[in-house]
C-alpha atoms as a PDB file:
ATOM      1  CA  MET A   1     -91.424  81.781 -36.980  1.00  0.00           C
ATOM      2  CA  ARG A   2     -87.981  83.280 -36.767  1.00  0.00           C
ATOM      3  CA  GLU A   3     -86.620  80.258 -38.558  1.00  0.00           C
ATOM      4  CA  LEU A   4     -89.183  80.784 -41.543  1.00  0.00           C
ATOM      5  CA  THR A   5     -87.880  84.553 -41.485  1.00  0.00           C
ATOM      6  CA  LYS A   6     -84.268  83.815 -41.633  1.00  0.00           C
ATOM      7  CA  LYS A   7     -84.926  80.980 -45.210  1.00  0.00           C
ATOM      8  CA  PHE A   8     -86.837  83.672 -46.465  1.00  0.00           C
ATOM      9  CA  GLN A   9     -84.423  86.400 -45.960  1.00  0.00           C
ATOM     10  CA  LYS A  10     -81.821  84.057 -47.461  1.00  0.00           C
ATOM     11  CA  ALA A  11     -83.914  83.183 -50.589  1.00  0.00           C
ATOM     12  CA  ALA A  12     -84.573  86.763 -51.001  1.00  0.00           C
ATOM     13  CA  SER A  13     -80.755  87.456 -50.817  1.00  0.00           C
ATOM     14  CA  PHE A  14     -79.911  84.794 -53.104  1.00  0.00           C
ATOM     15  CA  ILE A  15     -82.395  86.177 -55.611  1.00  0.00           C
ATOM     16  CA  ALA A  16     -81.159  89.373 -55.454  1.00  0.00           C
ATOM     17  CA  VAL A  17     -77.613  88.060 -55.846  1.00  0.00           C
ATOM     18  CA  ILE A  18     -78.773  86.636 -59.263  1.00  0.00           C
ATOM     19  CA  LEU A  19     -80.285  89.524 -60.532  1.00  0.00           C
ATOM     20  CA  PHE A  20     -76.988  91.875 -59.527  1.00  0.00           C
ATOM     21  CA  THR A  21     -75.154  89.000 -61.295  1.00  0.00           C
ATOM     22  CA  ALA A  22     -76.973  88.395 -64.226  1.00  0.00           C
ATOM     23  CA  MET A  23     -76.984  92.664 -64.581  1.00  0.00           C
ATOM     24  CA  PHE A  24     -73.219  92.724 -64.316  1.00  0.00           C
ATOM     25  CA  ALA A  25     -72.736  89.990 -66.645  1.00  0.00           C
ATOM     26  CA  VAL A  26     -74.903  91.405 -69.445  1.00  0.00           C
ATOM     27  CA  PHE A  27     -73.129  94.954 -68.580  1.00  0.00           C
ATOM     28  CA  LEU A  28     -69.467  93.028 -68.789  1.00  0.00           C
ATOM     29  CA  LEU A  29     -71.051  91.660 -72.382  1.00  0.00           C
ATOM     30  CA  GLN A  30     -72.004  94.998 -73.327  1.00  0.00           C
ATOM     31  CA  ILE A  31     -68.465  96.341 -72.839  1.00  0.00           C
ATOM     32  CA  PHE A  32     -66.975  93.573 -74.566  1.00  0.00           C
ATOM     33  CA  SER A  33     -68.412  93.231 -77.470  1.00  0.00           C
ATOM     34  CA  ARG A  34     -68.656  97.314 -77.774  1.00  0.00           C
ATOM     35  CA  TYR A  35     -64.908  97.939 -77.065  1.00  0.00           C
ATOM     36  CA  VAL A  36     -63.366  94.492 -77.860  1.00  0.00           C
ATOM     37  CA  LEU A  37     -65.237  93.469 -80.972  1.00  0.00           C
ATOM     38  CA  ASN A  38     -66.587  96.736 -81.997  1.00  0.00           C
ATOM     39  CA  THR A  39     -70.011  95.405 -82.386  1.00  0.00           C
ATOM     40  CA  PRO A  40     -72.468  97.095 -79.938  1.00  0.00           C
ATOM     41  CA  LEU A  41     -75.169  95.222 -78.586  1.00  0.00           C
ATOM     42  CA  GLY A  42     -78.447  96.745 -78.685  1.00  0.00           C
ATOM     43  CA  TRP A  43     -80.500  94.410 -76.239  1.00  0.00           C
ATOM     44  CA  THR A  44     -78.037  94.671 -73.455  1.00  0.00           C
ATOM     45  CA  LEU A  45     -78.891  98.173 -72.268  1.00  0.00           C
ATOM     46  CA  GLU A  46     -82.383  97.232 -72.256  1.00  0.00           C
ATOM     47  CA  VAL A  47     -81.893  94.000 -70.188  1.00  0.00           C
ATOM     48  CA  CYS A  48     -79.384  95.864 -67.740  1.00  0.00           C
ATOM     49  CA  ILE A  49     -82.156  98.106 -66.790  1.00  0.00           C
ATOM     50  CA  ILE A  50     -84.930  95.712 -66.384  1.00  0.00           C
ATOM     51  CA  LEU A  51     -82.703  93.719 -64.392  1.00  0.00           C
ATOM     52  CA  TYR A  52     -81.874  97.065 -62.229  1.00  0.00           C
ATOM     53  CA  ILE A  53     -85.479  97.944 -61.646  1.00  0.00           C
ATOM     54  CA  TRP A  54     -86.189  94.640 -60.634  1.00  0.00           C
ATOM     55  CA  LEU A  55     -82.811  94.606 -58.219  1.00  0.00           C
ATOM     56  CA  VAL A  56     -83.973  97.554 -56.977  1.00  0.00           C
ATOM     57  CA  PHE A  57     -87.652  97.055 -55.921  1.00  0.00           C
ATOM     58  CA  TRP A  58     -87.006  93.368 -54.790  1.00  0.00           C
ATOM     59  CA  THR A  59     -84.110  94.739 -52.445  1.00  0.00           C
ATOM     60  CA  SER A  60     -86.231  97.440 -51.154  1.00  0.00           C
ATOM     61  CA  ALA A  61     -89.192  95.399 -50.443  1.00  0.00           C
ATOM     62  CA  PHE A  62     -87.449  92.213 -49.152  1.00  0.00           C
ATOM     63  CA  LEU A  63     -84.045  93.183 -47.806  1.00  0.00           C
ATOM     64  CA  LEU A  64     -83.276  96.854 -46.520  1.00  0.00           C
ATOM     65  CA  ARG A  65     -84.894  97.466 -43.311  1.00  0.00           C
ATOM     66  CA  GLU A  66     -86.574 100.816 -42.570  1.00  0.00           C
ATOM     67  CA  CYS A  67     -83.686 102.566 -41.258  1.00  0.00           C
ATOM     68  CA  ASP A  68     -81.758 101.913 -44.419  1.00  0.00           C
ATOM     69  CA  HIS A  69     -83.597 103.702 -46.523  1.00  0.00           C
ATOM     70  CA  VAL A  70     -83.523 107.425 -47.238  1.00  0.00           C
ATOM     71  CA  SER A  71     -85.446 109.449 -44.611  1.00  0.00           C
ATOM     72  CA  PHE A  72     -85.592 112.777 -43.136  1.00  0.00           C
ATOM     73  CA  ASN A  73     -85.614 111.995 -39.465  1.00  0.00           C
ATOM     74  CA  MET A  74     -84.633 115.056 -37.533  1.00  0.00           C
ATOM     75  CA  LEU A  75     -87.384 115.776 -35.856  1.00  0.00           C
ATOM     76  CA  PHE A  76     -88.165 112.179 -35.306  1.00  0.00           C
ATOM     77  CA  LEU A  77     -84.841 111.323 -33.452  1.00  0.00           C
ATOM     78  CA  ALA A  78     -85.116 114.952 -31.869  1.00  0.00           C
ATOM     79  CA  ALA A  79     -88.448 113.677 -30.080  1.00  0.00           C
ATOM     80  CA  PRO A  80     -88.736 111.900 -26.782  1.00  0.00           C
ATOM     81  CA  ARG A  81     -90.059 108.165 -26.940  1.00  0.00           C
ATOM     82  CA  LYS A  82     -93.537 108.769 -26.589  1.00  0.00           C
ATOM     83  CA  GLY A  83     -93.539 111.348 -29.415  1.00  0.00           C
ATOM     84  CA  LYS A  84     -91.552 108.947 -31.532  1.00  0.00           C
ATOM     85  CA  ARG A  85     -93.883 106.413 -30.915  1.00  0.00           C
ATOM     86  CA  ILE A  86     -96.608 108.942 -32.053  1.00  0.00           C
ATOM     87  CA  MET A  87     -94.982 109.980 -34.896  1.00  0.00           C
ATOM     88  CA  ALA A  88     -94.311 106.618 -36.111  1.00  0.00           C
ATOM     89  CA  ILE A  89     -97.853 105.335 -35.814  1.00  0.00           C
ATOM     90  CA  VAL A  90     -99.134 108.401 -37.728  1.00  0.00           C
ATOM     91  CA  GLY A  91     -96.238 108.163 -40.304  1.00  0.00           C
ATOM     92  CA  ILE A  92     -96.650 104.437 -40.993  1.00  0.00           C
ATOM     93  CA  ALA A  93    -100.470 104.374 -41.027  1.00  0.00           C
ATOM     94  CA  CYS A  94    -100.374 107.360 -43.498  1.00  0.00           C
ATOM     95  CA  ILE A  95     -97.792 105.252 -46.002  1.00  0.00           C
ATOM     96  CA  VAL A  96     -99.881 102.065 -45.335  1.00  0.00           C
ATOM     97  CA  ILE A  97    -103.477 103.901 -46.278  1.00  0.00           C
ATOM     98  CA  ALA A  98    -101.840 105.562 -49.126  1.00  0.00           C
ATOM     99  CA  PHE A  99    -100.241 102.566 -50.671  1.00  0.00           C
ATOM    100  CA  ILE A 100    -103.650 100.528 -50.087  1.00  0.00           C
ATOM    101  CA  ALA A 101    -105.372 103.099 -51.950  1.00  0.00           C
ATOM    102  CA  ALA A 102    -102.859 103.410 -54.825  1.00  0.00           C
ATOM    103  CA  LEU A 103    -102.666  99.344 -55.171  1.00  0.00           C
ATOM    104  CA  PRO A 104    -105.648  98.833 -57.464  1.00  0.00           C
ATOM    105  CA  VAL A 105    -104.523 101.685 -59.740  1.00  0.00           C
ATOM    106  CA  ILE A 106    -101.027 100.142 -59.484  1.00  0.00           C
ATOM    107  CA  ILE A 107    -102.060  96.985 -60.487  1.00  0.00           C
ATOM    108  CA  ASP A 108    -104.606  98.105 -63.200  1.00  0.00           C
ATOM    109  CA  TYR A 109    -101.640 100.196 -65.011  1.00  0.00           C
ATOM    110  CA  VAL A 110     -99.244  96.972 -64.907  1.00  0.00           C
ATOM    111  CA  MET A 111    -101.683  94.984 -66.421  1.00  0.00           C
ATOM    112  CA  PHE A 112    -102.172  97.682 -68.936  1.00  0.00           C
ATOM    113  CA  MET A 113     -98.850  97.713 -69.768  1.00  0.00           C
ATOM    114  CA  ARG A 114     -99.203  93.745 -71.194  1.00  0.00           C
ATOM    115  CA  ILE A 115    -100.023  95.851 -74.709  1.00  0.00           C
ATOM    116  CA  GLU A 116     -96.471  97.460 -74.439  1.00  0.00           C
ATOM    117  CA  LYS A 117     -93.388  95.943 -75.428  1.00  0.00           C
ATOM    118  CA  ALA A 118     -89.644  97.179 -75.018  1.00  0.00           C
ATOM    119  CA  PRO A 119     -88.304  98.401 -78.180  1.00  0.00           C
ATOM    120  CA  VAL A 120     -85.735  96.285 -78.739  1.00  0.00           C
ATOM    121  CA  THR A 121     -86.135  93.109 -76.741  1.00  0.00           C
ATOM    122  CA  ARG A 122     -89.817  92.853 -76.915  1.00  0.00           C
ATOM    123  CA  ILE A 123     -90.674  91.720 -73.271  1.00  0.00           C
ATOM    124  CA  ARG A 124     -94.081  93.072 -72.585  1.00  0.00           C
ATOM    125  CA  LEU A 125     -93.691  95.672 -70.055  1.00  0.00           C
ATOM    126  CA  ASP A 126     -96.318  94.241 -67.713  1.00  0.00           C
ATOM    127  CA  TYR A 127     -93.413  91.854 -67.141  1.00  0.00           C
ATOM    128  CA  VAL A 128     -90.828  94.600 -66.151  1.00  0.00           C
ATOM    129  CA  TYR A 129     -93.100  96.661 -63.757  1.00  0.00           C
ATOM    130  CA  ALA A 130     -94.554  93.420 -62.632  1.00  0.00           C
ATOM    131  CA  ILE A 131     -92.483  93.956 -59.173  1.00  0.00           C
ATOM    132  CA  PHE A 132     -93.558  96.946 -58.489  1.00  0.00           C
ATOM    133  CA  PRO A 133     -96.728  95.896 -57.013  1.00  0.00           C
ATOM    134  CA  ILE A 134     -95.010  93.224 -55.106  1.00  0.00           C
ATOM    135  CA  PHE A 135     -92.836  95.725 -53.840  1.00  0.00           C
ATOM    136  CA  ILE A 136     -96.113  97.873 -52.707  1.00  0.00           C
ATOM    137  CA  LEU A 137     -97.780  94.880 -51.254  1.00  0.00           C
ATOM    138  CA  ALA A 138     -94.268  94.052 -49.335  1.00  0.00           C
ATOM    139  CA  LEU A 139     -94.195  97.586 -47.692  1.00  0.00           C
ATOM    140  CA  VAL A 140     -97.953  97.598 -46.611  1.00  0.00           C
ATOM    141  CA  LEU A 141     -97.354  94.057 -44.868  1.00  0.00           C
ATOM    142  CA  ARG A 142     -94.185  95.466 -43.325  1.00  0.00           C
ATOM    143  CA  GLY A 143     -96.109  98.483 -42.312  1.00  0.00           C
ATOM    144  CA  VAL A 144     -98.929  96.766 -40.559  1.00  0.00           C
ATOM    145  CA  LEU A 145     -96.469  94.728 -38.962  1.00  0.00           C
ATOM    146  CA  SER A 146     -94.637  97.638 -37.846  1.00  0.00           C
ATOM    147  CA  LEU A 147     -97.909  99.091 -36.652  1.00  0.00           C
ATOM    148  CA  TRP A 148     -98.845  95.878 -34.574  1.00  0.00           C
ATOM    149  CA  ARG A 149     -95.552  96.202 -33.009  1.00  0.00           C
ATOM    150  CA  LEU A 150     -95.771 100.020 -32.454  1.00  0.00           C
ATOM    151  CA  VAL A 151     -99.287  99.580 -30.637  1.00  0.00           C
ATOM    152  CA  LYS A 152     -98.536  96.582 -28.739  1.00  0.00           C
ATOM    153  CA  ALA A 153     -97.265  98.026 -25.284  1.00  0.00           C
ATOM    154  CA  ASP A 154     -94.155  95.062 -24.715  1.00  0.00           C
ATOM    155  CA  THR A 155     -92.616  95.668 -28.517  1.00  0.00           C
ATOM    156  CA  TYR A 156     -92.943  99.081 -29.094  1.00  0.00           C
ATOM    157  CA  ASP A 157     -89.674 100.068 -27.671  1.00  0.00           C
ATOM    158  CA  LYS A 158     -87.541  98.076 -29.830  1.00  0.00           C
ATOM    159  CA  GLU A 159     -89.786  98.983 -32.837  1.00  0.00           C
ATOM    160  CA  ILE A 160     -88.710 102.557 -32.509  1.00  0.00           C
ATOM    161  CA  ALA A 161     -85.177 101.674 -31.985  1.00  0.00           C
ATOM    162  CA  LEU A 162     -85.316  99.839 -35.596  1.00  0.00           C
ATOM    163  CA  ILE A 163     -87.075 102.499 -37.133  1.00  0.00           C
ATOM    164  CA  ALA A 164     -84.672 105.065 -35.901  1.00  0.00           C
ATOM    165  CA  GLY A 165     -81.424 102.930 -36.441  1.00  0.00           C
ATOM    166  CA  GLU A 166     -80.317 102.400 -32.964  1.00  0.00           C
ATOM    167  CA  ASP A 167     -80.105  98.776 -33.464  1.00  0.00           C
ATOM    168  CA  ARG A 168     -77.434  99.503 -36.031  1.00  0.00           C
ATOM    169  CA  ILE A 169     -75.100 100.964 -33.250  1.00  0.00           C
ATOM    170  CA  GLY A 170     -73.535  97.707 -32.081  1.00  0.00           C
ATOM    171  CA  ASP A 171     -73.474  96.431 -35.620  1.00  0.00           C
ATOM    172  CA  GLU A 172     -71.001  99.632 -36.754  1.00  0.00           C
ATOM    173  CA  GLU A 173     -68.905  99.203 -33.702  1.00  0.00           C
ATOM    174  CA  LYS A 174     -68.335  95.653 -34.735  1.00  0.00           C
ATOM    175  CA  LEU A 175     -66.634  97.060 -37.915  1.00  0.00           C
END
């Protein structure tokens, strides 16, 4: 299972690198065409925005750990171990339930966007925003796995450390 996870992480990282490289290349093309050729290209801004949307949601769904996301966790970090476990279970359960409840509406809206197209590139907006339901599904899956680890007696300490970012202390000291 660990090997499969590593392969998936590597593939997800590769896709993120492709998205970023494409976005950067289109950005450089826009700069070159605008300031060297004095002929701005209208489609480059739109493509950069689309690639940025995909890059942000792809990376957030598959590459960032929970402790890498912005969070307001002062109370969580100050709580004792048992309090952290309860807070984590309640908080993650609320997020998972909310995302599961919102998923049908999100999918419906993204599918509805097929009637709209981007103004310059004419790319259908359901393709542009198709990453969002994937992002929601990934977060639900990660939340369910986190809940499972928090409920199990032998893995909840490690999961709390991951949520709190305590596993990163060794990473920062190595730098």
